[in-house]
Amino acid sequence: MENSNLNFGKIISRVLTLIIVKPIVLPFKIYKNTLHNLSNYDNENLNESLLDGDFPLYNWFISVFDASIALSYFFGGLGAIFALINGTGFSVFLITIIITYFIPLSIGFFKELFSITLKTLTYLMKIANK
């Protein structure tokens, strides 16, 4: 492979986007998708609602992750306000806000790990019905 065909400007731009921009934008995107999933849970085309009859406990467990993500900003905001009012310092307030902002990343990661089998079951069910 020749180096003349590589566009180092695009490579550096893409690397910086993946390392700096994505982690900053991703928590809000996860939060927004979670709110969308919770508001459309009754939709029969969703993976969770397709398997509700066969795996109710598993679906509930995955839904708990969605609920945790949805409540994370609320409780994180309350914790930050409490830290500010309590007089622990502005740095504790800022750290609480930063940690709260990135909580959907960690909860979303575990949700996706657990929901891999749910997606596999859904695809197998769709294949079996065809």
N, C-alpha and C. Protein backbone atom coordinates (compact mmCIF):
# COMPACT_ATOMS: atom_id res chain seq x y z
N MET A 1 0.84 -1.18 0.00
CA MET A 1 0.00 0.00 0.00
C MET A 1 0.88 1.24 0.00
N GLU A 2 0.57 2.14 -0.85
CA GLU A 2 1.37 3.35 -0.98
C GLU A 2 0.90 4.41 0.00
N ASN A 3 1.86 5.17 0.52
CA ASN A 3 1.53 6.26 1.44
C ASN A 3 0.91 7.44 0.72
N SER A 4 1.12 7.53 -0.60
CA SER A 4 0.59 8.66 -1.35
C SER A 4 -0.94 8.62 -1.45
N ASN A 5 -1.55 7.45 -1.26
CA ASN A 5 -3.00 7.33 -1.34
C ASN A 5 -3.68 7.64 -0.01
N LEU A 6 -2.92 7.79 1.04
CA LEU A 6 -3.49 8.07 2.35
C LEU A 6 -3.67 9.58 2.53
N ASN A 7 -4.82 9.95 3.05
CA ASN A 7 -5.09 11.34 3.36
C ASN A 7 -4.92 11.52 4.86
N PHE A 8 -3.74 11.98 5.27
CA PHE A 8 -3.43 12.09 6.69
C PHE A 8 -4.29 13.13 7.40
N GLY A 9 -4.76 14.12 6.68
CA GLY A 9 -5.67 15.10 7.27
C GLY A 9 -6.98 14.46 7.69
N LYS A 10 -7.54 13.61 6.83
CA LYS A 10 -8.77 12.91 7.16
C LYS A 10 -8.55 11.91 8.29
N ILE A 11 -7.39 11.24 8.25
CA ILE A 11 -7.08 10.26 9.30
C ILE A 11 -7.00 10.94 10.66
N ILE A 12 -6.27 12.04 10.73
CA ILE A 12 -6.13 12.76 12.01
C ILE A 12 -7.48 13.33 12.45
N SER A 13 -8.25 13.85 11.52
CA SER A 13 -9.57 14.38 11.84
C SER A 13 -10.48 13.29 12.40
N ARG A 14 -10.46 12.13 11.77
CA ARG A 14 -11.31 11.01 12.22
C ARG A 14 -10.87 10.51 13.59
N VAL A 15 -9.56 10.41 13.81
CA VAL A 15 -9.05 9.95 15.11
C VAL A 15 -9.45 10.93 16.20
N LEU A 16 -9.29 12.22 15.96
CA LEU A 16 -9.67 13.22 16.95
C LEU A 16 -11.17 13.21 17.21
N THR A 17 -11.95 12.99 16.16
CA THR A 17 -13.41 12.90 16.34
C THR A 17 -13.77 11.71 17.21
N LEU A 18 -13.16 10.56 16.94
CA LEU A 18 -13.47 9.35 17.72
C LEU A 18 -13.00 9.44 19.16
N ILE A 19 -11.87 10.10 19.39
CA ILE A 19 -11.30 10.13 20.74
C ILE A 19 -11.84 11.29 21.57
N ILE A 20 -12.11 12.42 20.95
CA ILE A 20 -12.52 13.61 21.72
C ILE A 20 -14.01 13.90 21.59
N VAL A 21 -14.52 13.99 20.38
CA VAL A 21 -15.90 14.44 20.16
C VAL A 21 -16.92 13.37 20.53
N LYS A 22 -16.71 12.14 20.06
CA LYS A 22 -17.69 11.06 20.31
C LYS A 22 -17.96 10.83 21.79
N PRO A 23 -16.93 10.71 22.64
CA PRO A 23 -17.23 10.50 24.07
C PRO A 23 -18.00 11.65 24.71
N ILE A 24 -17.88 12.84 24.15
CA ILE A 24 -18.61 13.98 24.71
C ILE A 24 -20.06 13.97 24.24
N VAL A 25 -20.31 13.57 23.01
CA VAL A 25 -21.66 13.59 22.44
C VAL A 25 -22.43 12.31 22.76
N LEU A 26 -21.74 11.20 22.91
CA LEU A 26 -22.37 9.90 23.07
C LEU A 26 -23.29 9.77 24.29
N PRO A 27 -22.94 10.28 25.48
CA PRO A 27 -23.87 10.14 26.62
C PRO A 27 -25.23 10.76 26.37
N PHE A 28 -25.26 11.93 25.76
CA PHE A 28 -26.55 12.57 25.49
C PHE A 28 -27.33 11.79 24.44
N LYS A 29 -26.63 11.24 23.46
CA LYS A 29 -27.30 10.43 22.43
C LYS A 29 -27.90 9.17 23.06
N ILE A 30 -27.17 8.53 23.96
CA ILE A 30 -27.69 7.35 24.67
C ILE A 30 -28.90 7.73 25.49
N TYR A 31 -28.84 8.86 26.18
CA TYR A 31 -29.95 9.33 27.00
C TYR A 31 -31.18 9.60 26.13
N LYS A 32 -30.98 10.26 25.00
CA LYS A 32 -32.08 10.57 24.09
C LYS A 32 -32.70 9.29 23.52
N ASN A 33 -31.88 8.34 23.12
CA ASN A 33 -32.39 7.06 22.60
C ASN A 33 -33.15 6.29 23.67
N THR A 34 -32.68 6.35 24.90
CA THR A 34 -33.37 5.68 26.00
C THR A 34 -34.75 6.27 26.22
N LEU A 35 -34.85 7.58 26.21
CA LEU A 35 -36.15 8.22 26.37
C LEU A 35 -37.08 7.85 25.21
N HIS A 36 -36.52 7.76 24.02
CA HIS A 36 -37.30 7.35 22.86
C HIS A 36 -37.77 5.91 23.02
N ASN A 37 -36.89 5.01 23.48
CA ASN A 37 -37.26 3.60 23.69
C ASN A 37 -38.35 3.46 24.74
N LEU A 38 -38.23 4.23 25.81
CA LEU A 38 -39.23 4.14 26.88
C LEU A 38 -40.58 4.68 26.43
N SER A 39 -40.58 5.70 25.60
CA SER A 39 -41.86 6.25 25.14
C SER A 39 -42.51 5.38 24.07
N ASN A 40 -41.72 4.56 23.37
CA ASN A 40 -42.26 3.69 22.33
C ASN A 40 -42.23 2.22 22.72
N TYR A 41 -42.24 1.92 24.00
CA TYR A 41 -42.12 0.53 24.45
C TYR A 41 -43.28 -0.34 23.99
N ASP A 42 -44.47 0.22 23.85
CA ASP A 42 -45.64 -0.55 23.44
C ASP A 42 -45.66 -0.88 21.96
N ASN A 43 -44.73 -0.30 21.20
CA ASN A 43 -44.64 -0.58 19.78
C ASN A 43 -44.29 -2.05 19.58
N GLU A 44 -45.05 -2.75 18.79
CA GLU A 44 -44.89 -4.20 18.63
C GLU A 44 -43.66 -4.57 17.81
N ASN A 45 -43.02 -3.63 17.17
CA ASN A 45 -41.85 -3.93 16.36
C ASN A 45 -40.54 -3.90 17.15
N LEU A 46 -40.59 -3.42 18.38
CA LEU A 46 -39.38 -3.38 19.19
C LEU A 46 -38.99 -4.77 19.64
N ASN A 47 -37.68 -4.98 19.80
CA ASN A 47 -37.18 -6.29 20.21
C ASN A 47 -37.74 -6.73 21.55
N GLU A 48 -37.82 -5.80 22.49
CA GLU A 48 -38.28 -6.15 23.82
C GLU A 48 -39.74 -6.59 23.80
N SER A 49 -40.58 -5.89 23.05
CA SER A 49 -42.00 -6.24 23.04
C SER A 49 -42.26 -7.52 22.26
N LEU A 50 -41.39 -7.87 21.32
CA LEU A 50 -41.57 -9.11 20.57
C LEU A 50 -41.38 -10.34 21.47
N LEU A 51 -40.51 -10.23 22.46
CA LEU A 51 -40.20 -11.38 23.31
C LEU A 51 -40.79 -11.26 24.71
N ASP A 52 -41.71 -10.32 24.91
CA ASP A 52 -42.29 -10.11 26.23
C ASP A 52 -42.97 -11.36 26.78
N GLY A 53 -43.66 -12.09 25.93
CA GLY A 53 -44.37 -13.28 26.39
C GLY A 53 -43.44 -14.42 26.75
N ASP A 54 -42.33 -14.57 26.03
CA ASP A 54 -41.43 -15.69 26.27
C ASP A 54 -40.41 -15.42 27.38
N PHE A 55 -39.94 -14.19 27.47
CA PHE A 55 -38.88 -13.86 28.43
C PHE A 55 -39.23 -12.60 29.22
N PRO A 56 -40.27 -12.64 30.05
CA PRO A 56 -40.68 -11.41 30.75
C PRO A 56 -39.63 -10.90 31.74
N LEU A 57 -38.97 -11.81 32.45
CA LEU A 57 -37.97 -11.37 33.44
C LEU A 57 -36.77 -10.75 32.75
N TYR A 58 -36.34 -11.35 31.67
CA TYR A 58 -35.20 -10.81 30.92
C TYR A 58 -35.53 -9.44 30.35
N ASN A 59 -36.73 -9.30 29.80
CA ASN A 59 -37.15 -8.00 29.27
C ASN A 59 -37.25 -6.95 30.36
N TRP A 60 -37.71 -7.37 31.52
CA TRP A 60 -37.78 -6.43 32.64
C TRP A 60 -36.38 -5.99 33.04
N PHE A 61 -35.45 -6.92 33.07
CA PHE A 61 -34.07 -6.61 33.45
C PHE A 61 -33.44 -5.61 32.48
N ILE A 62 -33.67 -5.80 31.20
CA ILE A 62 -33.14 -4.86 30.20
C ILE A 62 -33.83 -3.50 30.35
N SER A 63 -35.12 -3.51 30.65
CA SER A 63 -35.86 -2.26 30.82
C SER A 63 -35.40 -1.49 32.05
N VAL A 64 -34.91 -2.20 33.05
CA VAL A 64 -34.37 -1.53 34.25
C VAL A 64 -33.15 -0.69 33.87
N PHE A 65 -32.36 -1.16 32.93
CA PHE A 65 -31.23 -0.36 32.46
C PHE A 65 -31.73 0.93 31.81
N ASP A 66 -32.78 0.83 31.01
CA ASP A 66 -33.35 2.04 30.40
C ASP A 66 -33.86 3.01 31.47
N ALA A 67 -34.54 2.47 32.46
CA ALA A 67 -35.05 3.33 33.53
C ALA A 67 -33.90 3.98 34.30
N SER A 68 -32.84 3.23 34.52
CA SER A 68 -31.67 3.78 35.23
C SER A 68 -31.03 4.91 34.44
N ILE A 69 -30.93 4.72 33.14
CA ILE A 69 -30.36 5.78 32.30
C ILE A 69 -31.27 7.01 32.32
N ALA A 70 -32.58 6.79 32.25
CA ALA A 70 -33.52 7.91 32.24
C ALA A 70 -33.47 8.69 33.55
N LEU A 71 -33.26 8.01 34.65
CA LEU A 71 -33.23 8.68 35.95
C LEU A 71 -31.85 9.21 36.33
N SER A 72 -30.82 8.82 35.60
CA SER A 72 -29.45 9.19 35.98
C SER A 72 -29.23 10.70 35.98
N TYR A 73 -29.72 11.41 34.98
CA TYR A 73 -29.51 12.85 34.94
C TYR A 73 -30.31 13.56 36.03
N PHE A 74 -31.49 13.05 36.31
CA PHE A 74 -32.31 13.66 37.37
C PHE A 74 -31.61 13.55 38.72
N PHE A 75 -31.22 12.32 39.09
CA PHE A 75 -30.58 12.13 40.38
C PHE A 75 -29.18 12.73 40.43
N GLY A 76 -28.48 12.73 39.31
CA GLY A 76 -27.17 13.38 39.27
C GLY A 76 -27.30 14.88 39.45
N GLY A 77 -28.33 15.45 38.83
CA GLY A 77 -28.58 16.89 39.00
C GLY A 77 -28.94 17.23 40.44
N LEU A 78 -29.76 16.37 41.04
CA LEU A 78 -30.09 16.59 42.46
C LEU A 78 -28.85 16.49 43.33
N GLY A 79 -27.99 15.52 43.04
CA GLY A 79 -26.75 15.37 43.80
C GLY A 79 -25.84 16.57 43.64
N ALA A 80 -25.77 17.10 42.42
CA ALA A 80 -24.94 18.28 42.18
C ALA A 80 -25.48 19.50 42.91
N ILE A 81 -26.80 19.67 42.88
CA ILE A 81 -27.41 20.80 43.59
C ILE A 81 -27.20 20.65 45.09
N PHE A 82 -27.35 19.42 45.60
CA PHE A 82 -27.10 19.17 47.02
C PHE A 82 -25.65 19.48 47.38
N ALA A 83 -24.72 19.11 46.52
CA ALA A 83 -23.31 19.39 46.79
C ALA A 83 -23.04 20.89 46.80
N LEU A 84 -23.73 21.62 45.92
CA LEU A 84 -23.55 23.07 45.86
C LEU A 84 -24.15 23.74 47.09
N ILE A 85 -25.34 23.29 47.48
CA ILE A 85 -26.02 23.89 48.64
C ILE A 85 -25.31 23.51 49.93
N ASN A 86 -24.81 22.29 49.99
CA ASN A 86 -24.16 21.78 51.20
C ASN A 86 -22.85 22.50 51.50
N GLY A 87 -22.31 23.19 50.53
CA GLY A 87 -21.09 23.94 50.75
C GLY A 87 -19.83 23.10 50.64
N THR A 88 -19.88 22.01 49.92
CA THR A 88 -18.70 21.17 49.77
C THR A 88 -17.71 21.76 48.78
N GLY A 89 -18.10 22.77 48.08
CA GLY A 89 -17.21 23.44 47.15
C GLY A 89 -17.68 23.30 45.71
N PHE A 90 -17.23 24.26 44.93
CA PHE A 90 -17.62 24.27 43.53
C PHE A 90 -16.99 23.13 42.76
N SER A 91 -15.81 22.70 43.18
CA SER A 91 -15.14 21.59 42.49
C SER A 91 -15.92 20.30 42.64
N VAL A 92 -16.51 20.05 43.81
CA VAL A 92 -17.34 18.86 44.01
C VAL A 92 -18.59 18.94 43.14
N PHE A 93 -19.16 20.13 43.05
CA PHE A 93 -20.31 20.34 42.17
C PHE A 93 -19.96 20.02 40.72
N LEU A 94 -18.82 20.53 40.25
CA LEU A 94 -18.39 20.29 38.88
C LEU A 94 -18.08 18.83 38.63
N ILE A 95 -17.42 18.18 39.54
CA ILE A 95 -17.11 16.75 39.40
C ILE A 95 -18.39 15.93 39.35
N THR A 96 -19.36 16.30 40.18
CA THR A 96 -20.65 15.60 40.18
C THR A 96 -21.36 15.76 38.84
N ILE A 97 -21.33 16.96 38.29
CA ILE A 97 -21.94 17.20 36.98
C ILE A 97 -21.25 16.38 35.90
N ILE A 98 -19.92 16.35 35.91
CA ILE A 98 -19.17 15.60 34.89
C ILE A 98 -19.44 14.11 35.01
N ILE A 99 -19.42 13.58 36.23
CA ILE A 99 -19.69 12.15 36.42
C ILE A 99 -21.12 11.82 36.00
N THR A 100 -22.05 12.69 36.36
CA THR A 100 -23.45 12.48 35.98
C THR A 100 -23.62 12.47 34.48
N TYR A 101 -22.91 13.34 33.79
CA TYR A 101 -23.05 13.39 32.34
C TYR A 101 -22.59 12.09 31.68
N PHE A 102 -21.57 11.44 32.24
CA PHE A 102 -21.02 10.24 31.63
C PHE A 102 -21.61 8.93 32.18
N ILE A 103 -22.51 9.00 33.15
CA ILE A 103 -23.14 7.79 33.69
C ILE A 103 -23.90 7.00 32.62
N PRO A 104 -24.65 7.63 31.70
CA PRO A 104 -25.32 6.83 30.66
C PRO A 104 -24.37 5.98 29.82
N LEU A 105 -23.12 6.40 29.68
CA LEU A 105 -22.15 5.58 28.95
C LEU A 105 -21.94 4.24 29.63
N SER A 106 -21.70 4.27 30.93
CA SER A 106 -21.43 3.02 31.64
C SER A 106 -22.67 2.14 31.74
N ILE A 107 -23.81 2.73 32.05
CA ILE A 107 -25.04 1.94 32.13
C ILE A 107 -25.42 1.40 30.75
N GLY A 108 -25.26 2.22 29.73
CA GLY A 108 -25.56 1.80 28.36
C GLY A 108 -24.66 0.66 27.90
N PHE A 109 -23.40 0.71 28.33
CA PHE A 109 -22.47 -0.37 27.97
C PHE A 109 -22.94 -1.70 28.54
N PHE A 110 -23.32 -1.70 29.82
CA PHE A 110 -23.79 -2.95 30.44
C PHE A 110 -25.13 -3.39 29.85
N LYS A 111 -25.98 -2.43 29.52
CA LYS A 111 -27.25 -2.78 28.89
C LYS A 111 -27.01 -3.47 27.55
N GLU A 112 -26.10 -2.93 26.77
CA GLU A 112 -25.81 -3.54 25.47
C GLU A 112 -25.19 -4.92 25.62
N LEU A 113 -24.35 -5.11 26.63
CA LEU A 113 -23.78 -6.43 26.86
C LEU A 113 -24.87 -7.46 27.17
N PHE A 114 -25.81 -7.07 28.01
CA PHE A 114 -26.89 -7.99 28.37
C PHE A 114 -27.91 -8.16 27.26
N SER A 115 -28.08 -7.14 26.42
CA SER A 115 -29.11 -7.24 25.39
C SER A 115 -28.63 -7.92 24.12
N ILE A 116 -27.37 -8.31 24.05
CA ILE A 116 -26.88 -9.04 22.88
C ILE A 116 -27.67 -10.33 22.70
N THR A 117 -27.91 -11.05 23.78
CA THR A 117 -28.67 -12.30 23.66
C THR A 117 -30.12 -12.02 23.28
N LEU A 118 -30.67 -10.92 23.76
CA LEU A 118 -32.04 -10.56 23.40
C LEU A 118 -32.14 -10.29 21.90
N LYS A 119 -31.18 -9.58 21.36
CA LYS A 119 -31.19 -9.30 19.92
C LYS A 119 -31.02 -10.59 19.13
N THR A 120 -30.16 -11.49 19.61
CA THR A 120 -29.97 -12.78 18.94
C THR A 120 -31.27 -13.57 18.93
N LEU A 121 -31.95 -13.61 20.07
CA LEU A 121 -33.23 -14.32 20.14
C LEU A 121 -34.26 -13.71 19.21
N THR A 122 -34.28 -12.39 19.11
CA THR A 122 -35.23 -11.72 18.24
C THR A 122 -34.97 -12.08 16.78
N TYR A 123 -33.71 -12.03 16.38
CA TYR A 123 -33.38 -12.36 14.99
C TYR A 123 -33.69 -13.82 14.68
N LEU A 124 -33.41 -14.71 15.61
CA LEU A 124 -33.74 -16.12 15.40
C LEU A 124 -35.25 -16.32 15.29
N MET A 125 -36.00 -15.57 16.09
CA MET A 125 -37.46 -15.66 16.04
C MET A 125 -37.99 -15.14 14.70
N LYS A 126 -37.40 -14.05 14.19
CA LYS A 126 -37.81 -13.51 12.90
C LYS A 126 -37.47 -14.48 11.77
N ILE A 127 -36.32 -15.13 11.85
CA ILE A 127 -35.93 -16.10 10.84
C ILE A 127 -36.86 -17.31 10.88
N ALA A 128 -37.22 -17.74 12.07
CA ALA A 128 -38.10 -18.91 12.20
C ALA A 128 -39.50 -18.62 11.67
N ASN A 129 -39.94 -17.37 11.76
CA ASN A 129 -41.28 -17.01 11.29
C ASN A 129 -41.35 -16.85 9.78
N LYS A 130 -40.22 -16.75 9.12
CA LYS A 130 -40.22 -16.55 7.66
C LYS A 130 -40.26 -17.84 6.91
